[in-house]
């Protein structure tokens, strides 16, 4: 069961998808005549990205994907150059840029040089454009895709529902709001200015679906949650020796209809969505699309 009580088990959902991808990549390797190659580019050692990198490496090994890691100096020119070189390298099938980068290194500047057919995170200008206009070959970012997959797997209807997204970041909040709109949800996006005006609790309390992607431990108070609301917590925060989400889990759990834990909720599904994006890119390339 992917729902235990009212807690969504993201690890089980991820496992279902991973089993399907094992079979898909087995066939793909036959067509390619080799293992697919995913390259991660990192600028400076960032503790926040290490757990995600390790999860990618483990899943790549399971799926028969060769994972390569490239460390570049913390300068914009070095990052841009590494992206250009990787795009020209025909042995590399997918590229991921491991954020956050050091101060003065702009990931969005580097994304201008990322080839759409190697962009497993769907963040290059081509795919951003495609998200707005629903182009068939668009690759959507893994974390928003993970949220949508979880909602679908749990049979959560979106059409006409009051959805509140907390966090308007380019990687999660903005694309997720668009994806929810495209599915017929009524979407409110809350951000720093919402909180500054003291209106965050008001918006959340009326939401049927609450999705937080802020990265601030226990920002969302459990008693703000509407009875029977669906709560999806994307936040990952380190508090002492524990990893916690943006939502006060135990208090929110007592009120929510469904809720994702941290860890074990959105994170595992995000990792498999990344690999599914790699599969989609390779499959389209082999089909000549």
Protein backbone atom coordinates (compact mmCIF):
# COMPACT_ATOMS: atom_id res chain seq x y z
CA UNK A 1 0.00 0.00 0.00
CA UNK A 2 1.40 3.40 -0.98
CA UNK A 3 -0.86 5.05 1.61
CA UNK A 4 -0.42 3.98 5.23
CA UNK A 5 -3.15 5.56 7.31
CA UNK A 6 -3.03 9.00 5.72
CA UNK A 7 0.75 9.05 5.07
CA UNK A 8 1.92 8.68 1.47
CA UNK A 9 4.89 6.32 1.09
CA UNK A 10 7.01 7.94 -1.60
CA UNK A 11 9.56 5.14 -1.46
CA UNK A 12 6.97 2.59 -2.56
CA UNK A 13 5.79 4.83 -5.41
CA UNK A 14 9.41 5.31 -6.48
CA UNK A 15 9.98 1.55 -6.34
CA UNK A 16 7.01 0.90 -8.64
CA UNK A 17 8.41 3.35 -11.19
CA UNK A 18 11.97 2.02 -10.83
CA UNK A 19 10.83 -1.53 -11.60
CA UNK A 20 9.20 -0.30 -14.79
CA UNK A 21 12.33 1.68 -15.70
CA UNK A 22 14.54 -1.38 -15.20
CA UNK A 23 12.71 -3.12 -18.04
CA UNK A 24 12.63 0.03 -20.18
CA UNK A 25 16.37 0.69 -19.86
CA UNK A 26 17.17 -2.95 -20.56
CA UNK A 27 15.50 -2.59 -23.96
CA UNK A 28 17.08 0.80 -24.50
CA UNK A 29 20.59 -0.54 -23.92
CA UNK A 30 19.98 -3.10 -26.65
CA UNK A 31 18.95 -0.36 -29.08
CA UNK A 32 21.88 1.89 -28.10
CA UNK A 33 24.42 -0.91 -28.04
CA UNK A 34 25.85 0.49 -24.81
CA UNK A 35 24.90 1.84 -21.40
CA UNK A 36 23.34 5.33 -21.31
CA UNK A 37 25.59 7.96 -19.71
CA UNK A 38 24.39 10.62 -17.25
CA UNK A 39 26.81 13.40 -16.31
CA UNK A 40 26.49 15.45 -13.13
CA UNK A 41 28.33 18.78 -13.07
CA UNK A 42 29.13 20.36 -9.72
CA UNK A 43 30.87 23.66 -8.97
CA UNK A 44 32.37 23.54 -5.50
CA UNK A 45 31.48 20.90 -2.90
CA UNK A 46 27.98 21.56 -1.63
CA UNK A 47 26.71 19.44 1.31
CA UNK A 48 23.08 20.14 0.32
CA UNK A 49 23.43 18.26 -2.96
CA UNK A 50 25.45 15.25 -1.76
CA UNK A 51 22.51 13.08 -0.63
CA UNK A 52 20.75 13.67 -3.96
CA UNK A 53 23.93 12.79 -5.88
CA UNK A 54 24.35 9.55 -3.92
CA UNK A 55 20.71 8.61 -4.59
CA UNK A 56 21.24 9.23 -8.31
CA UNK A 57 24.37 7.10 -8.32
CA UNK A 58 22.61 4.18 -6.63
CA UNK A 59 19.65 4.31 -9.01
CA UNK A 60 21.92 4.62 -12.05
CA UNK A 61 23.77 1.48 -10.99
CA UNK A 62 20.49 -0.38 -10.61
CA UNK A 63 19.15 0.75 -14.00
CA UNK A 64 22.38 0.06 -15.92
CA UNK A 65 23.18 3.74 -16.47
CA UNK A 66 26.78 4.93 -16.32
CA UNK A 67 27.02 7.89 -13.97
CA UNK A 68 29.84 10.37 -14.41
CA UNK A 69 30.66 13.28 -12.14
CA UNK A 70 32.56 16.38 -13.15
CA UNK A 71 33.82 18.90 -10.61
CA UNK A 72 34.59 22.36 -11.97
CA UNK A 73 36.18 25.40 -10.36
CA UNK A 74 33.69 27.88 -8.83
CA UNK A 75 33.82 30.32 -11.72
CA UNK A 76 31.12 31.10 -14.29
CA UNK A 77 33.45 30.59 -17.24
CA UNK A 78 34.44 27.14 -15.99
CA UNK A 79 30.82 26.05 -15.55
CA UNK A 80 29.74 27.38 -18.94
CA UNK A 81 32.71 25.71 -20.60
CA UNK A 82 31.95 22.37 -18.92
CA UNK A 83 28.33 22.51 -20.14
CA UNK A 84 29.41 23.32 -23.71
CA UNK A 85 31.96 20.50 -23.75
CA UNK A 86 29.46 17.97 -22.41
CA UNK A 87 26.90 18.98 -25.03
CA UNK A 88 29.46 18.36 -27.78
CA UNK A 89 30.46 14.97 -26.34
CA UNK A 90 28.44 12.32 -28.18
CA UNK A 91 29.12 9.74 -25.46
CA UNK A 92 27.11 11.75 -22.89
CA UNK A 93 23.34 11.32 -23.06
CA UNK A 94 22.08 13.45 -20.18
CA UNK A 95 23.39 16.36 -18.12
CA UNK A 96 22.38 17.56 -14.67
CA UNK A 97 23.73 20.68 -12.97
CA UNK A 98 23.99 20.13 -9.23
CA UNK A 99 22.74 23.26 -7.51
CA UNK A 100 23.13 25.31 -5.44
CA UNK A 101 26.33 26.79 -6.85
CA UNK A 102 28.77 29.07 -5.03
CA UNK A 103 28.08 32.79 -4.90
CA UNK A 104 28.87 34.42 -8.22
CA UNK A 105 28.15 31.28 -10.29
CA UNK A 106 24.78 31.57 -12.04
CA UNK A 107 23.17 28.29 -13.07
CA UNK A 108 20.70 30.12 -15.33
CA UNK A 109 23.55 31.62 -17.33
CA UNK A 110 24.97 28.12 -17.89
CA UNK A 111 21.57 26.73 -18.89
CA UNK A 112 21.65 28.90 -22.01
CA UNK A 113 24.28 26.52 -23.38
CA UNK A 114 22.56 23.24 -22.43
CA UNK A 115 21.30 21.21 -25.37
CA UNK A 116 17.58 20.41 -25.02
CA UNK A 117 18.19 16.78 -26.02
CA UNK A 118 20.52 16.32 -23.02
CA UNK A 119 18.57 18.40 -20.49
CA UNK A 120 17.21 15.82 -18.02
CA UNK A 121 15.93 18.54 -15.66
CA UNK A 122 13.89 20.42 -18.26
CA UNK A 123 15.42 23.77 -17.36
CA UNK A 124 16.92 24.91 -20.67
CA UNK A 125 15.10 27.69 -22.56
CA UNK A 126 13.65 25.22 -25.09
CA UNK A 127 11.86 23.18 -22.43
CA UNK A 128 10.77 26.24 -20.44
CA UNK A 129 9.09 27.52 -23.62
CA UNK A 130 7.62 24.06 -24.20
CA UNK A 131 6.07 24.00 -20.72
CA UNK A 132 4.09 27.16 -21.43
CA UNK A 133 2.84 25.98 -24.80
CA UNK A 134 2.54 22.26 -24.02
CA UNK A 135 4.90 21.09 -26.73
CA UNK A 136 4.80 17.34 -27.11
CA UNK A 137 8.55 16.85 -26.65
CA UNK A 138 8.84 18.99 -23.50
CA UNK A 139 10.81 17.62 -20.56
CA UNK A 140 9.35 18.79 -17.26
CA UNK A 141 11.53 19.29 -14.14
CA UNK A 142 11.81 16.14 -11.97
CA UNK A 143 10.51 17.53 -8.67
CA UNK A 144 7.28 19.03 -10.06
CA UNK A 145 6.82 15.80 -12.03
CA UNK A 146 7.28 13.85 -8.80
CA UNK A 147 4.57 15.90 -7.08
CA UNK A 148 2.17 15.35 -9.96
CA UNK A 149 2.94 11.62 -10.09
CA UNK A 150 2.27 11.28 -6.36
CA UNK A 151 -1.07 13.09 -6.68
CA UNK A 152 -2.05 10.89 -9.62
CA UNK A 153 -0.95 7.67 -7.88
CA UNK A 154 -3.10 8.61 -4.88
CA UNK A 155 -6.09 9.43 -7.13
CA UNK A 156 -6.18 13.06 -6.05
CA UNK A 157 -8.49 15.01 -8.36
CA UNK A 158 -7.12 18.43 -9.34
CA UNK A 159 -9.82 19.95 -11.50
CA UNK A 160 -11.30 22.99 -9.80
CA UNK A 161 -9.46 22.30 -6.54
CA UNK A 162 -8.02 25.14 -4.46
CA UNK A 163 -4.26 24.55 -4.56
CA UNK A 164 -1.72 26.63 -2.67
CA UNK A 165 1.95 26.39 -3.69
CA UNK A 166 4.35 27.89 -1.17
CA UNK A 167 7.59 28.93 -2.88
CA UNK A 168 7.92 30.54 -6.31
CA UNK A 169 11.36 29.21 -7.25
CA UNK A 170 12.20 28.51 -10.88
CA UNK A 171 13.06 24.84 -10.25
CA UNK A 172 9.92 23.77 -8.34
CA UNK A 173 7.33 26.42 -7.49
CA UNK A 174 6.82 28.14 -10.83
CA UNK A 175 6.76 25.05 -13.09
CA UNK A 176 4.60 23.20 -10.57
CA UNK A 177 2.05 26.04 -10.49
CA UNK A 178 1.88 25.91 -14.27
CA UNK A 179 1.43 22.13 -14.32
CA UNK A 180 -1.39 22.39 -11.79
CA UNK A 181 -3.06 25.11 -13.86
CA UNK A 182 -2.83 22.90 -16.93
CA UNK A 183 -4.72 20.22 -15.02
CA UNK A 184 -7.57 22.57 -14.14
CA UNK A 185 -6.62 23.48 -10.56
CA UNK A 186 -7.23 26.93 -9.09
CA UNK A 187 -3.71 27.90 -8.05
CA UNK A 188 -2.42 30.45 -5.52
CA UNK A 189 1.36 30.90 -5.24
CA UNK A 190 2.63 32.21 -1.90
CA UNK A 191 6.12 33.59 -1.34
CA UNK A 192 8.19 35.82 0.91
CA UNK A 193 6.00 38.88 0.39
CA UNK A 194 2.91 36.83 1.30
CA UNK A 195 4.53 35.94 4.60
CA UNK A 196 5.69 39.53 5.18
CA UNK A 197 2.07 40.69 4.97
CA UNK A 198 1.03 37.98 7.44
CA UNK A 199 -1.27 36.28 4.93
CA UNK A 200 0.41 32.88 4.61
CA UNK A 201 -1.77 31.12 7.18
CA UNK A 202 -4.92 32.60 5.62
CA UNK A 203 -4.12 31.22 2.16
CA UNK A 204 -3.08 27.81 3.46
CA UNK A 205 -6.13 27.42 5.70
CA UNK A 206 -8.51 27.51 2.72
CA UNK A 207 -6.46 25.20 0.48
CA UNK A 208 -7.66 21.74 -0.46
CA UNK A 209 -4.15 20.90 -1.66
CA UNK A 210 -1.05 22.41 -0.02
CA UNK A 211 2.37 22.03 -1.63
CA UNK A 212 5.38 23.57 0.10
CA UNK A 213 8.73 24.01 -1.65
CA UNK A 214 10.48 26.63 0.44
CA UNK A 215 13.32 24.90 2.26
CA UNK A 216 12.57 26.39 5.68
CA UNK A 217 12.11 23.93 8.52
CA UNK A 218 8.58 23.69 9.94
CA UNK A 219 7.50 26.97 8.31
CA UNK A 220 3.98 25.61 7.76
CA UNK A 221 2.21 25.16 11.07
CA UNK A 222 0.07 22.07 11.43
CA UNK A 223 -2.97 23.95 12.71
CA UNK A 224 -3.04 26.02 9.52
CA UNK A 225 -4.01 22.92 7.53
CA UNK A 226 -7.63 22.59 6.51
CA UNK A 227 -9.37 19.39 7.63
CA UNK A 228 -8.87 16.60 5.05
CA UNK A 229 -6.50 18.68 2.88
CA UNK A 230 -3.77 16.99 0.85
CA UNK A 231 -0.31 18.12 2.00
CA UNK A 232 2.76 17.59 -0.20
CA UNK A 233 6.01 18.62 1.49
CA UNK A 234 8.88 19.17 -0.94
CA UNK A 235 11.15 20.88 1.59
CA UNK A 236 14.37 19.25 2.79
CA UNK A 237 15.96 20.84 5.84
CA UNK A 238 18.64 19.64 8.24
CA UNK A 239 17.84 20.32 11.89
CA UNK A 240 20.53 18.91 14.16
CA UNK A 241 20.92 15.30 13.06
CA UNK A 242 17.44 15.10 11.54
CA UNK A 243 16.04 15.84 8.09
CA UNK A 244 12.66 17.57 8.26
CA UNK A 245 10.29 19.23 5.84
CA UNK A 246 8.67 22.64 5.60
CA UNK A 247 5.55 21.37 7.39
CA UNK A 248 5.05 20.55 11.08
CA UNK A 249 4.44 16.92 10.26
CA UNK A 250 2.76 15.41 13.32
CA UNK A 251 0.34 18.29 13.89
CA UNK A 252 -0.49 18.54 10.19
CA UNK A 253 -0.92 14.77 9.95
CA UNK A 254 -3.71 14.91 12.53
CA UNK A 255 -5.70 17.24 10.26
CA UNK A 256 -4.71 16.22 6.72
CA UNK A 257 -6.49 13.74 4.50
CA UNK A 258 -3.16 12.78 2.93
CA UNK A 259 0.38 13.93 3.69
CA UNK A 260 3.91 13.16 2.52
CA UNK A 261 6.67 12.64 5.09
CA UNK A 262 10.21 14.01 4.97
CA UNK A 263 12.27 11.99 4.30
CA UNK A 264 10.55 9.27 2.29
CA UNK A 265 8.00 11.35 0.43
CA UNK A 266 8.74 13.47 -2.64
CA UNK A 267 12.52 12.91 -2.64
CA UNK A 268 12.66 9.27 -3.82
CA UNK A 269 10.10 9.96 -6.55
CA UNK A 270 12.13 12.95 -7.77
CA UNK A 271 15.17 10.73 -8.34
CA UNK A 272 13.24 8.24 -10.48
CA UNK A 273 11.61 11.09 -12.42
CA UNK A 274 15.10 12.29 -13.34
CA UNK A 275 15.89 8.85 -14.78
CA UNK A 276 12.55 8.70 -16.55
CA UNK A 277 13.41 12.03 -18.19
CA UNK A 278 16.70 10.53 -19.38
CA UNK A 279 14.79 7.60 -20.83
CA UNK A 280 12.34 9.90 -22.64
CA UNK A 281 15.18 11.95 -24.17
CA UNK A 282 17.02 8.85 -25.39
CA UNK A 283 13.88 7.19 -26.72
CA UNK A 284 12.98 10.29 -28.72
CA UNK A 285 16.52 10.56 -30.06
CA UNK A 286 16.44 6.94 -31.23
CA UNK A 287 13.07 7.51 -32.87
CA UNK A 288 14.47 10.56 -34.68
CA UNK A 289 12.09 13.04 -33.02
